């Protein structure tokens, strides 16, 4: 079956699962003659259709301990909706190459959101519709980070920083998901991690293709992203820069993300994505 047909089937499945509510960006189908983002379509529902809490949690204490992490992951994936709407309303002229990337990225992130929604709903016995309403009622505020959203190059770099950080963080969750009795949980999070790694590679290729003259700016800008995270910039539903504390987002973790980006955008050095190593 062709890649185009797989993408079409995946899109139809996502739209049906959303009760025919077309989320922002799911209808993007822009193609660029010079840049083609890599995509490996799949659907969270194929892996999580029959999962339940009995295959995961061994005690009420474990249930409670996982809830903040899963809620944060769910919020972050949902907030791709907010980011997409921001781009739509910003007035920025985005290139066909970026829109091509955005179309692939948005469908993947929406599938991830539906997966976390299913997991959270099953584990905490709250209907998906009710969880979705709670997510929709959260307010996003992009004003605190608008200096990072001035042009396509900076936006692409900011997204690359977010995607590599997410891929690295999710890969560290493999041990947790391995502890669940149902192996479909681990299969699912590995596919999510793979998508985030692919997004990172797509973005670095986009930057190298569209903005080779701005590569010298990368190091300083990424340092500013890291500084924002380390100084405790408050996350307000923006999808990006959501690395607030926890066990993962240490100074060394974030600086390693910066090193990976710098290496990926140096044409003399290979792209390095450690998070994909165990997939």
C-alpha atoms as a PDB file:
ATOM      1  CA  UNK A   1       0.000   0.000   0.000  1.00  0.00           C
ATOM      2  CA  UNK A   2       1.359   3.431  -0.933  1.00  0.00           C
ATOM      3  CA  UNK A   3       2.459   5.986   1.673  1.00  0.00           C
ATOM      4  CA  UNK A   4      -0.203   8.398   0.399  1.00  0.00           C
ATOM      5  CA  UNK A   5      -2.959   5.835   0.941  1.00  0.00           C
ATOM      6  CA  UNK A   6      -1.662   4.984   4.413  1.00  0.00           C
ATOM      7  CA  UNK A   7      -1.712   8.655   5.362  1.00  0.00           C
ATOM      8  CA  UNK A   8      -5.260   8.995   4.042  1.00  0.00           C
ATOM      9  CA  UNK A   9      -6.474   5.983   6.030  1.00  0.00           C
ATOM     10  CA  UNK A  10      -4.742   7.251   9.163  1.00  0.00           C
ATOM     11  CA  UNK A  11      -6.326  10.697   8.764  1.00  0.00           C
ATOM     12  CA  UNK A  12      -9.805   9.190   8.357  1.00  0.00           C
ATOM     13  CA  UNK A  13      -9.328   7.103  11.503  1.00  0.00           C
ATOM     14  CA  UNK A  14      -8.213  10.127  13.492  1.00  0.00           C
ATOM     15  CA  UNK A  15     -11.150  12.208  12.341  1.00  0.00           C
ATOM     16  CA  UNK A  16     -13.651   9.472  13.185  1.00  0.00           C
ATOM     17  CA  UNK A  17     -12.173   9.063  16.637  1.00  0.00           C
ATOM     18  CA  UNK A  18     -12.571  12.806  17.193  1.00  0.00           C
ATOM     19  CA  UNK A  19     -16.326  12.479  16.713  1.00  0.00           C
ATOM     20  CA  UNK A  20     -16.045  14.245  13.373  1.00  0.00           C
ATOM     21  CA  UNK A  21     -14.575  17.346  15.015  1.00  0.00           C
ATOM     22  CA  UNK A  22     -11.730  18.399  12.761  1.00  0.00           C
ATOM     23  CA  UNK A  23      -8.925  19.612  15.005  1.00  0.00           C
ATOM     24  CA  UNK A  24      -6.575  22.363  13.898  1.00  0.00           C
ATOM     25  CA  UNK A  25      -4.164  21.317  11.185  1.00  0.00           C
ATOM     26  CA  UNK A  26      -5.499  17.854  10.410  1.00  0.00           C
ATOM     27  CA  UNK A  27      -6.529  19.038   6.968  1.00  0.00           C
ATOM     28  CA  UNK A  28      -3.116  20.433   6.018  1.00  0.00           C
ATOM     29  CA  UNK A  29      -2.000  18.775   2.803  1.00  0.00           C
ATOM     30  CA  UNK A  30       0.582  21.197   1.429  1.00  0.00           C
ATOM     31  CA  UNK A  31       3.433  19.673  -0.545  1.00  0.00           C
ATOM     32  CA  UNK A  32       6.801  21.189  -1.326  1.00  0.00           C
ATOM     33  CA  UNK A  33       8.637  20.226  -4.484  1.00  0.00           C
ATOM     34  CA  UNK A  34      12.011  20.634  -2.745  1.00  0.00           C
ATOM     35  CA  UNK A  35      11.366  19.346   0.788  1.00  0.00           C
ATOM     36  CA  UNK A  36       9.485  16.230   1.819  1.00  0.00           C
ATOM     37  CA  UNK A  37       9.193  15.378   5.530  1.00  0.00           C
ATOM     38  CA  UNK A  38       9.518  11.753   6.489  1.00  0.00           C
ATOM     39  CA  UNK A  39       6.372  10.142   7.878  1.00  0.00           C
ATOM     40  CA  UNK A  40       5.490   6.675   9.199  1.00  0.00           C
ATOM     41  CA  UNK A  41       1.699   6.783   9.723  1.00  0.00           C
ATOM     42  CA  UNK A  42       0.031   4.681  12.395  1.00  0.00           C
ATOM     43  CA  UNK A  43      -2.911   5.027  14.783  1.00  0.00           C
ATOM     44  CA  UNK A  44      -2.853   4.925  18.586  1.00  0.00           C
ATOM     45  CA  UNK A  45      -6.227   3.222  18.605  1.00  0.00           C
ATOM     46  CA  UNK A  46      -4.709   0.142  16.954  1.00  0.00           C
ATOM     47  CA  UNK A  47      -2.572  -0.431  20.062  1.00  0.00           C
ATOM     48  CA  UNK A  48      -4.769   0.906  22.846  1.00  0.00           C
ATOM     49  CA  UNK A  49      -8.255  -0.207  21.838  1.00  0.00           C
ATOM     50  CA  UNK A  50      -8.544  -2.849  24.572  1.00  0.00           C
ATOM     51  CA  UNK A  51      -6.100  -1.706  27.244  1.00  0.00           C
ATOM     52  CA  UNK A  52      -7.368  -1.317  30.800  1.00  0.00           C
ATOM     53  CA  UNK A  53      -6.078  -0.443  34.237  1.00  0.00           C
ATOM     54  CA  UNK A  54      -5.815  -4.065  35.407  1.00  0.00           C
ATOM     55  CA  UNK A  55      -2.837  -4.603  33.131  1.00  0.00           C
ATOM     56  CA  UNK A  56      -0.967  -1.631  34.525  1.00  0.00           C
ATOM     57  CA  UNK A  57      -1.393  -0.788  38.137  1.00  0.00           C
ATOM     58  CA  UNK A  58      -0.500  -2.976  41.077  1.00  0.00           C
ATOM     59  CA  UNK A  59      -1.632  -0.666  43.872  1.00  0.00           C
ATOM     60  CA  UNK A  60      -3.574   2.546  44.587  1.00  0.00           C
ATOM     61  CA  UNK A  61      -0.261   4.166  45.555  1.00  0.00           C
ATOM     62  CA  UNK A  62       1.208   3.470  42.126  1.00  0.00           C
ATOM     63  CA  UNK A  63      -1.935   4.816  40.486  1.00  0.00           C
ATOM     64  CA  UNK A  64      -1.625   8.096  42.372  1.00  0.00           C
ATOM     65  CA  UNK A  65       2.109   8.429  41.766  1.00  0.00           C
ATOM     66  CA  UNK A  66       1.744   8.155  37.985  1.00  0.00           C
ATOM     67  CA  UNK A  67      -1.123  10.608  37.617  1.00  0.00           C
ATOM     68  CA  UNK A  68       0.864  13.899  37.559  1.00  0.00           C
ATOM     69  CA  UNK A  69       3.290  12.569  34.930  1.00  0.00           C
ATOM     70  CA  UNK A  70       0.540  11.198  32.685  1.00  0.00           C
ATOM     71  CA  UNK A  71      -1.525  14.363  33.030  1.00  0.00           C
ATOM     72  CA  UNK A  72       1.469  16.497  32.039  1.00  0.00           C
ATOM     73  CA  UNK A  73       2.179  14.270  29.024  1.00  0.00           C
ATOM     74  CA  UNK A  74      -1.479  14.406  28.005  1.00  0.00           C
ATOM     75  CA  UNK A  75      -1.586  18.197  28.315  1.00  0.00           C
ATOM     76  CA  UNK A  76       1.609  18.615  26.322  1.00  0.00           C
ATOM     77  CA  UNK A  77       0.349  16.499  23.427  1.00  0.00           C
ATOM     78  CA  UNK A  78      -3.052  18.201  23.450  1.00  0.00           C
ATOM     79  CA  UNK A  79      -1.359  21.601  23.349  1.00  0.00           C
ATOM     80  CA  UNK A  80      -0.191  20.988  19.783  1.00  0.00           C
ATOM     81  CA  UNK A  81      -3.740  22.193  19.074  1.00  0.00           C
ATOM     82  CA  UNK A  82      -2.931  25.520  20.740  1.00  0.00           C
ATOM     83  CA  UNK A  83       0.342  25.859  18.843  1.00  0.00           C
ATOM     84  CA  UNK A  84      -1.351  25.117  15.528  1.00  0.00           C
ATOM     85  CA  UNK A  85      -4.047  27.721  16.207  1.00  0.00           C
ATOM     86  CA  UNK A  86      -1.383  30.243  17.180  1.00  0.00           C
ATOM     87  CA  UNK A  87       0.371  29.760  13.845  1.00  0.00           C
ATOM     88  CA  UNK A  88      -2.931  30.116  11.994  1.00  0.00           C
ATOM     89  CA  UNK A  89      -3.753  33.397  13.737  1.00  0.00           C
ATOM     90  CA  UNK A  90      -0.241  34.875  13.866  1.00  0.00           C
ATOM     91  CA  UNK A  91      -0.248  36.356  10.389  1.00  0.00           C
ATOM     92  CA  UNK A  92       3.163  34.822   9.688  1.00  0.00           C
ATOM     93  CA  UNK A  93       3.760  33.762   6.102  1.00  0.00           C
ATOM     94  CA  UNK A  94       4.881  30.160   6.394  1.00  0.00           C
ATOM     95  CA  UNK A  95       6.619  28.483   3.479  1.00  0.00           C
ATOM     96  CA  UNK A  96       5.246  25.424   1.644  1.00  0.00           C
ATOM     97  CA  UNK A  97       8.134  23.449   3.134  1.00  0.00           C
ATOM     98  CA  UNK A  98       7.141  24.378   6.698  1.00  0.00           C
ATOM     99  CA  UNK A  99       3.447  23.732   6.015  1.00  0.00           C
ATOM    100  CA  UNK A 100       4.383  20.339   4.613  1.00  0.00           C
ATOM    101  CA  UNK A 101       6.192  19.561   7.863  1.00  0.00           C
ATOM    102  CA  UNK A 102       3.305  20.934   9.918  1.00  0.00           C
ATOM    103  CA  UNK A 103       0.788  18.664   8.222  1.00  0.00           C
ATOM    104  CA  UNK A 104       2.788  15.536   9.108  1.00  0.00           C
ATOM    105  CA  UNK A 105       3.631  16.777  12.624  1.00  0.00           C
ATOM    106  CA  UNK A 106       0.055  17.733  13.490  1.00  0.00           C
ATOM    107  CA  UNK A 107      -1.412  14.354  12.574  1.00  0.00           C
ATOM    108  CA  UNK A 108       1.241  12.553  14.619  1.00  0.00           C
ATOM    109  CA  UNK A 109       0.761  14.778  17.657  1.00  0.00           C
ATOM    110  CA  UNK A 110      -2.999  14.342  17.467  1.00  0.00           C
ATOM    111  CA  UNK A 111      -2.592  10.569  17.455  1.00  0.00           C
ATOM    112  CA  UNK A 112      -0.304  10.838  20.498  1.00  0.00           C
ATOM    113  CA  UNK A 113      -2.911  12.972  22.254  1.00  0.00           C
ATOM    114  CA  UNK A 114      -5.627  10.399  21.574  1.00  0.00           C
ATOM    115  CA  UNK A 115      -3.354   7.685  22.984  1.00  0.00           C
ATOM    116  CA  UNK A 116      -2.582   9.522  26.204  1.00  0.00           C
ATOM    117  CA  UNK A 117      -6.264  10.410  26.478  1.00  0.00           C
ATOM    118  CA  UNK A 118      -7.191   6.719  26.261  1.00  0.00           C
ATOM    119  CA  UNK A 119      -4.570   5.708  28.825  1.00  0.00           C
ATOM    120  CA  UNK A 120      -5.480   8.462  31.278  1.00  0.00           C
ATOM    121  CA  UNK A 121      -9.184   7.751  30.946  1.00  0.00           C
ATOM    122  CA  UNK A 122      -8.750   4.025  31.535  1.00  0.00           C
ATOM    123  CA  UNK A 123      -6.347   4.348  34.449  1.00  0.00           C
ATOM    124  CA  UNK A 124      -8.307   7.007  36.334  1.00  0.00           C
ATOM    125  CA  UNK A 125     -11.795   5.890  35.284  1.00  0.00           C
ATOM    126  CA  UNK A 126     -12.823   9.269  33.884  1.00  0.00           C
ATOM    127  CA  UNK A 127     -14.697   9.310  30.548  1.00  0.00           C
ATOM    128  CA  UNK A 128     -12.582  10.516  27.637  1.00  0.00           C
ATOM    129  CA  UNK A 129     -15.179  13.182  26.831  1.00  0.00           C
ATOM    130  CA  UNK A 130     -14.858  14.655  30.325  1.00  0.00           C
ATOM    131  CA  UNK A 131     -11.067  14.640  30.233  1.00  0.00           C
ATOM    132  CA  UNK A 132     -11.159  16.300  26.813  1.00  0.00           C
ATOM    133  CA  UNK A 133     -13.413  19.057  28.166  1.00  0.00           C
ATOM    134  CA  UNK A 134     -10.978  19.756  30.987  1.00  0.00           C
ATOM    135  CA  UNK A 135      -8.155  20.067  28.467  1.00  0.00           C
ATOM    136  CA  UNK A 136     -10.147  22.401  26.227  1.00  0.00           C
ATOM    137  CA  UNK A 137     -10.933  24.728  29.136  1.00  0.00           C
ATOM    138  CA  UNK A 138      -7.255  25.358  29.885  1.00  0.00           C
ATOM    139  CA  UNK A 139      -6.038  28.723  28.592  1.00  0.00           C
ATOM    140  CA  UNK A 140      -2.941  29.122  26.446  1.00  0.00           C
ATOM    141  CA  UNK A 141      -0.810  32.266  26.586  1.00  0.00           C
ATOM    142  CA  UNK A 142       1.957  32.768  24.034  1.00  0.00           C
ATOM    143  CA  UNK A 143       2.873  36.316  25.049  1.00  0.00           C
ATOM    144  CA  UNK A 144       5.672  35.310  27.466  1.00  0.00           C
ATOM    145  CA  UNK A 145       7.499  33.459  24.668  1.00  0.00           C
ATOM    146  CA  UNK A 146       6.575  35.599  21.667  1.00  0.00           C
ATOM    147  CA  UNK A 147      10.216  36.599  21.178  1.00  0.00           C
ATOM    148  CA  UNK A 148      10.832  32.997  20.089  1.00  0.00           C
ATOM    149  CA  UNK A 149       7.962  33.061  17.580  1.00  0.00           C
ATOM    150  CA  UNK A 150       8.915  35.949  15.321  1.00  0.00           C
ATOM    151  CA  UNK A 151       9.796  34.046  12.163  1.00  0.00           C
ATOM    152  CA  UNK A 152       9.747  30.603  10.576  1.00  0.00           C
ATOM    153  CA  UNK A 153      13.414  29.854  11.241  1.00  0.00           C
ATOM    154  CA  UNK A 154      13.168  30.498  14.995  1.00  0.00           C
ATOM    155  CA  UNK A 155       9.881  28.607  15.236  1.00  0.00           C
ATOM    156  CA  UNK A 156      11.365  25.587  13.462  1.00  0.00           C
ATOM    157  CA  UNK A 157      14.393  25.639  15.773  1.00  0.00           C
ATOM    158  CA  UNK A 158      12.195  25.960  18.863  1.00  0.00           C
ATOM    159  CA  UNK A 159      10.124  22.995  17.708  1.00  0.00           C
ATOM    160  CA  UNK A 160      13.301  20.986  17.099  1.00  0.00           C
ATOM    161  CA  UNK A 161      14.398  21.696  20.679  1.00  0.00           C
ATOM    162  CA  UNK A 162      11.015  20.593  21.979  1.00  0.00           C
ATOM    163  CA  UNK A 163      10.901  17.428  19.875  1.00  0.00           C
ATOM    164  CA  UNK A 164      14.341  16.147  20.858  1.00  0.00           C
ATOM    165  CA  UNK A 165      13.633  16.863  24.532  1.00  0.00           C
ATOM    166  CA  UNK A 166      10.325  14.980  24.301  1.00  0.00           C
ATOM    167  CA  UNK A 167      11.904  12.038  22.489  1.00  0.00           C
ATOM    168  CA  UNK A 168      14.636  11.757  25.117  1.00  0.00           C
ATOM    169  CA  UNK A 169      12.135  12.018  27.978  1.00  0.00           C
ATOM    170  CA  UNK A 170       9.756   9.420  26.524  1.00  0.00           C
ATOM    171  CA  UNK A 171      12.621   6.997  25.922  1.00  0.00           C
ATOM    172  CA  UNK A 172      13.405   7.184  29.644  1.00  0.00           C
ATOM    173  CA  UNK A 173       9.841   6.020  30.306  1.00  0.00           C
ATOM    174  CA  UNK A 174      10.449   2.661  28.608  1.00  0.00           C
ATOM    175  CA  UNK A 175      11.295   1.028  31.936  1.00  0.00           C
ATOM    176  CA  UNK A 176       8.001   2.221  33.393  1.00  0.00           C
ATOM    177  CA  UNK A 177       5.946   0.986  30.458  1.00  0.00           C
ATOM    178  CA  UNK A 178       7.810  -2.327  30.515  1.00  0.00           C
ATOM    179  CA  UNK A 179       6.511  -2.828  34.049  1.00  0.00           C
ATOM    180  CA  UNK A 180       2.927  -2.836  32.756  1.00  0.00           C
ATOM    181  CA  UNK A 181       1.539  -6.310  32.165  1.00  0.00           C
ATOM    182  CA  UNK A 182       0.059  -5.427  28.768  1.00  0.00           C
ATOM    183  CA  UNK A 183       2.913  -5.201  26.202  1.00  0.00           C
ATOM    184  CA  UNK A 184       0.866  -2.895  23.961  1.00  0.00           C
ATOM    185  CA  UNK A 185       1.662   0.026  26.282  1.00  0.00           C
ATOM    186  CA  UNK A 186       5.389  -0.354  25.613  1.00  0.00           C
ATOM    187  CA  UNK A 187       4.850  -0.813  21.875  1.00  0.00           C
ATOM    188  CA  UNK A 188       2.781   2.359  21.836  1.00  0.00           C
ATOM    189  CA  UNK A 189       5.243   4.601  23.706  1.00  0.00           C
ATOM    190  CA  UNK A 190       8.078   3.394  21.471  1.00  0.00           C
ATOM    191  CA  UNK A 191       6.113   4.440  18.393  1.00  0.00           C
ATOM    192  CA  UNK A 192       5.396   7.820  19.977  1.00  0.00           C
ATOM    193  CA  UNK A 193       9.108   8.252  20.714  1.00  0.00           C
ATOM    194  CA  UNK A 194       9.981   7.282  17.146  1.00  0.00           C
ATOM    195  CA  UNK A 195       7.613   9.951  15.830  1.00  0.00           C
ATOM    196  CA  UNK A 196       9.194  12.633  18.019  1.00  0.00           C
ATOM    197  CA  UNK A 197      12.645  11.631  16.783  1.00  0.00           C
ATOM    198  CA  UNK A 198      11.460  11.779  13.168  1.00  0.00           C
ATOM    199  CA  UNK A 199       9.979  15.226  13.778  1.00  0.00           C
ATOM    200  CA  UNK A 200      13.336  16.396  15.088  1.00  0.00           C
ATOM    201  CA  UNK A 201      15.130  15.099  11.997  1.00  0.00           C
ATOM    202  CA  UNK A 202      12.509  16.619   9.699  1.00  0.00           C
ATOM    203  CA  UNK A 203      12.981  19.998  11.376  1.00  0.00           C
ATOM    204  CA  UNK A 204      16.769  19.982  11.195  1.00  0.00           C
ATOM    205  CA  UNK A 205      16.557  19.053   7.516  1.00  0.00           C
ATOM    206  CA  UNK A 206      14.056  21.858   6.970  1.00  0.00           C
ATOM    207  CA  UNK A 207      16.369  24.366   8.654  1.00  0.00           C
ATOM    208  CA  UNK A 208      19.376  23.195   6.651  1.00  0.00           C
ATOM    209  CA  UNK A 209      17.332  23.370   3.445  1.00  0.00           C
ATOM    210  CA  UNK A 210      15.627  26.731   3.980  1.00  0.00           C
ATOM    211  CA  UNK A 211      17.985  28.670   6.248  1.00  0.00           C
ATOM    212  CA  UNK A 212      21.620  27.607   5.777  1.00  0.00           C
ATOM    213  CA  UNK A 213      22.681  31.240   6.136  1.00  0.00           C
ATOM    214  CA  UNK A 214      21.193  31.367   9.654  1.00  0.00           C
ATOM    215  CA  UNK A 215      22.953  28.295  11.044  1.00  0.00           C
ATOM    216  CA  UNK A 216      25.441  30.543  12.924  1.00  0.00           C
ATOM    217  CA  UNK A 217      22.487  31.788  15.031  1.00  0.00           C
ATOM    218  CA  UNK A 218      21.526  28.311  16.229  1.00  0.00           C
ATOM    219  CA  UNK A 219      23.812  27.982  19.231  1.00  0.00           C
ATOM    220  CA  UNK A 220      22.841  31.323  20.772  1.00  0.00           C
ATOM    221  CA  UNK A 221      19.111  30.769  20.231  1.00  0.00           C
ATOM    222  CA  UNK A 222      19.179  27.268  21.699  1.00  0.00           C
ATOM    223  CA  UNK A 223      21.034  28.660  24.714  1.00  0.00           C
ATOM    224  CA  UNK A 224      18.161  31.100  25.162  1.00  0.00           C
ATOM    225  CA  UNK A 225      15.628  28.235  25.059  1.00  0.00           C
ATOM    226  CA  UNK A 226      17.609  26.362  27.705  1.00  0.00           C
ATOM    227  CA  UNK A 227      17.968  29.503  29.818  1.00  0.00           C
ATOM    228  CA  UNK A 228      14.184  29.967  29.712  1.00  0.00           C
ATOM    229  CA  UNK A 229      13.667  26.401  30.962  1.00  0.00           C
ATOM    230  CA  UNK A 230      16.334  26.586  33.659  1.00  0.00           C
ATOM    231  CA  UNK A 231      15.113  29.925  34.978  1.00  0.00           C
ATOM    232  CA  UNK A 232      11.669  28.453  35.505  1.00  0.00           C
ATOM    233  CA  UNK A 233       9.717  30.136  32.740  1.00  0.00           C
ATOM    234  CA  UNK A 234       6.084  29.254  33.444  1.00  0.00           C
ATOM    235  CA  UNK A 235       4.423  26.901  30.965  1.00  0.00           C
ATOM    236  CA  UNK A 236       1.094  28.227  29.698  1.00  0.00           C
ATOM    237  CA  UNK A 237      -0.273  25.653  27.294  1.00  0.00           C
ATOM    238  CA  UNK A 238       1.998  26.569  24.383  1.00  0.00           C
ATOM    239  CA  UNK A 239       3.213  23.037  23.497  1.00  0.00           C
ATOM    240  CA  UNK A 240       6.826  24.246  23.424  1.00  0.00           C
ATOM    241  CA  UNK A 241       9.001  25.044  26.454  1.00  0.00           C
ATOM    242  CA  UNK A 242       7.033  22.758  28.749  1.00  0.00           C
ATOM    243  CA  UNK A 243      10.091  21.373  30.560  1.00  0.00           C
ATOM    244  CA  UNK A 244       9.212  22.239  34.123  1.00  0.00           C
ATOM    245  CA  UNK A 245      11.389  20.426  36.620  1.00  0.00           C
ATOM    246  CA  UNK A 246      10.702  16.786  37.363  1.00  0.00           C
ATOM    247  CA  UNK A 247      13.239  13.996  37.234  1.00  0.00           C
ATOM    248  CA  UNK A 248      13.965  14.420  33.521  1.00  0.00           C
ATOM    249  CA  UNK A 249      14.561  18.049  32.665  1.00  0.00           C
ATOM    250  CA  UNK A 250      17.785  18.619  34.543  1.00  0.00           C
ATOM    251  CA  UNK A 251      20.364  21.171  33.383  1.00  0.00           C
ATOM    252  CA  UNK A 252      22.502  18.390  31.914  1.00  0.00           C
ATOM    253  CA  UNK A 253      19.500  16.857  30.112  1.00  0.00           C
ATOM    254  CA  UNK A 254      18.593  20.185  28.492  1.00  0.00           C
ATOM    255  CA  UNK A 255      22.180  21.047  27.612  1.00  0.00           C
ATOM    256  CA  UNK A 256      22.513  17.644  25.974  1.00  0.00           C
ATOM    257  CA  UNK A 257      19.482  18.526  23.848  1.00  0.00           C
ATOM    258  CA  UNK A 258      21.354  21.658  22.826  1.00  0.00           C
ATOM    259  CA  UNK A 259      24.450  19.653  21.877  1.00  0.00           C
ATOM    260  CA  UNK A 260      22.360  17.292  19.753  1.00  0.00           C
ATOM    261  CA  UNK A 261      20.770  20.193  17.882  1.00  0.00           C
ATOM    262  CA  UNK A 262      24.122  21.886  17.265  1.00  0.00           C
ATOM    263  CA  UNK A 263      25.573  18.653  15.917  1.00  0.00           C
ATOM    264  CA  UNK A 264      22.555  17.984  13.727  1.00  0.00           C
ATOM    265  CA  UNK A 265      22.788  21.409  12.113  1.00  0.00           C
ATOM    266  CA  UNK A 266      26.528  21.205  11.480  1.00  0.00           C
ATOM    267  CA  UNK A 267      26.879  19.686   7.984  1.00  0.00           C
ATOM    268  CA  UNK A 268      30.281  18.239   8.945  1.00  0.00           C
ATOM    269  CA  UNK A 269      28.800  16.083  11.683  1.00  0.00           C
ATOM    270  CA  UNK A 270      26.109  13.358  11.583  1.00  0.00           C
ATOM    271  CA  UNK A 271      22.688  13.769  13.139  1.00  0.00           C
ATOM    272  CA  UNK A 272      22.693  12.075  16.551  1.00  0.00           C
ATOM    273  CA  UNK A 273      19.419  11.024  18.187  1.00  0.00           C
ATOM    274  CA  UNK A 274      20.164   8.867  21.252  1.00  0.00           C
ATOM    275  CA  UNK A 275      16.466   8.544  22.074  1.00  0.00           C
ATOM    276  CA  UNK A 276      15.925   6.394  18.985  1.00  0.00           C
ATOM    277  CA  UNK A 277      18.591   3.862  19.929  1.00  0.00           C
ATOM    278  CA  UNK A 278      16.271   1.467  21.759  1.00  0.00           C
ATOM    279  CA  UNK A 279      13.412   1.545  19.245  1.00  0.00           C
END
